[in-house]
Structure formats: C-alpha cells, structure tokens
C-alpha cells in the first residue's frame, strides 16, 4: 500500500513513506546490541552502573536496626 498523493498548488505530488511518516532514512540509524554498547562505552557510560550502588547504604544502621525501623512504620 502506497501513501496517498497530496495536492500542492493544484498539482498532485507523490509522497514517500519516509515523508508520510516524517522520518528521513539519513537520520534513522539502527544499531545492533554490540554497536549500541560500544557507542555508549565510548561516550563514557559505565559498563554496569549498578555496581556503583550495590552493597552501599547511606547510613550506618545494622540489619537489625533497619528491620526495627521498617517494623515501626506500621
């Protein structure tokens, strides 16, 4: 199915799918997973940012103190 032609100044102009959808094939770049990871690392993104927060806690509470705090929320 082709997009419908549009009228412009009493002339019918045929539209491409890219024009109809508002995209340009030059602007659209598809990356596979490996390309995306390589690009993100080259842009400075950490390989696994979760490593920065796993095992850290902002306070000095023990597990028991933290459990007591949670129990007191009820």
Protein backbone atom coordinates (compact mmCIF):
# COMPACT_ATOMS: atom_id res chain seq x y z
CA UNK A 1 0.00 0.00 0.00
CA UNK A 2 1.45 3.33 -1.05
CA UNK A 3 0.74 6.61 0.79
CA UNK A 4 -1.88 8.83 -0.75
CA UNK A 5 -0.67 11.59 -3.06
CA UNK A 6 -1.01 15.13 -1.72
CA UNK A 7 -2.19 18.19 -3.60
CA UNK A 8 0.08 21.19 -3.66
CA UNK A 9 -0.70 24.26 -5.76
CA UNK A 10 -3.19 22.27 -7.85
CA UNK A 11 -0.53 19.63 -8.52
CA UNK A 12 -0.53 16.14 -7.13
CA UNK A 13 2.76 15.18 -5.55
CA UNK A 14 3.54 11.60 -4.68
CA UNK A 15 4.80 11.11 -1.11
CA UNK A 16 7.28 8.53 0.00
CA UNK A 17 6.69 6.52 3.17
CA UNK A 18 9.54 8.41 4.83
CA UNK A 19 7.85 11.76 4.11
CA UNK A 20 4.47 10.39 5.16
CA UNK A 21 5.84 9.13 8.48
CA UNK A 22 8.02 12.19 9.00
CA UNK A 23 11.31 10.33 9.05
CA UNK A 24 14.37 10.55 6.92
CA UNK A 25 16.36 7.44 6.08
CA UNK A 26 19.51 9.52 6.58
CA UNK A 27 18.53 10.35 10.18
CA UNK A 28 17.43 6.88 11.19
CA UNK A 29 20.31 4.71 12.32
CA UNK A 30 19.75 1.23 13.58
CA UNK A 31 22.28 -0.31 15.91
CA UNK A 32 22.55 -3.89 16.97
CA UNK A 33 23.24 -4.57 20.65
CA UNK A 34 27.02 -4.77 20.26
CA UNK A 35 27.14 -1.46 18.34
CA UNK A 36 24.97 0.23 20.98
CA UNK A 37 27.16 -1.00 23.85
CA UNK A 38 30.34 0.08 22.04
CA UNK A 39 28.90 3.55 21.34
CA UNK A 40 27.70 4.02 24.93
CA UNK A 41 31.05 2.99 26.40
CA UNK A 42 32.88 5.36 24.03
CA UNK A 43 30.52 8.14 25.21
CA UNK A 44 31.63 7.48 28.79
CA UNK A 45 28.80 5.32 30.09
CA UNK A 46 29.90 2.73 32.64
CA UNK A 47 29.59 -0.87 31.62
CA UNK A 48 27.38 -1.67 34.62
CA UNK A 49 26.34 1.37 36.69
CA UNK A 50 24.56 -0.87 39.23
CA UNK A 51 27.98 -1.80 40.60
CA UNK A 52 28.18 1.73 42.00
CA UNK A 53 25.20 1.26 44.33
CA UNK A 54 25.07 -2.45 45.12
CA UNK A 55 26.20 -3.11 48.68
CA UNK A 56 26.16 0.52 49.72
CA UNK A 57 23.82 2.17 52.19
CA UNK A 58 23.77 5.85 53.11
CA UNK A 59 23.64 5.22 56.87
CA UNK A 60 25.45 3.14 59.47
CA UNK A 61 22.42 1.08 60.52
CA UNK A 62 22.81 -2.62 61.15
CA UNK A 63 20.37 -5.07 59.59
CA UNK A 64 18.55 -5.37 62.92
CA UNK A 65 18.25 -1.59 63.33
CA UNK A 66 16.95 -1.28 59.79
CA UNK A 67 14.41 -4.05 60.40
CA UNK A 68 13.23 -2.24 63.55
CA UNK A 69 12.82 0.98 61.54
CA UNK A 70 10.70 -0.87 58.96
CA UNK A 71 8.58 -2.52 61.68
CA UNK A 72 7.93 0.89 63.30
CA UNK A 73 6.47 2.23 60.04
CA UNK A 74 3.25 0.24 60.56
